[in-house]
Amino acid sequence: MKLGLRLHTCARAFSSPCVHDHVCVRCSLLWPDPAQRGRLEGIRDNLVARIAEAEREGWLGEVEGLWTA
């Protein structure tokens, strides 16, 4: 999520290591910007659809990767 999309504020202390490798949507320190709720819902919906497609197609590695990203 740190790809220039301003969806949130990170509560992590400045310069502290990020154990999530900047996968902010899975982090408990994510402070979502309420104005970006629609964009975050779209990201979530897209992820759910990608997981469903991978499961349907039997792409087990893809399913695992999407769940652990």
Foldseek 3Di string as FASTA:
>chain_A
DPPPDPFWDFQDPPPDDDPLNPPQVPDPRTGGDVVCVVVVVVVVVVLVVQLVVCVVVVVVVSNVVSVSD
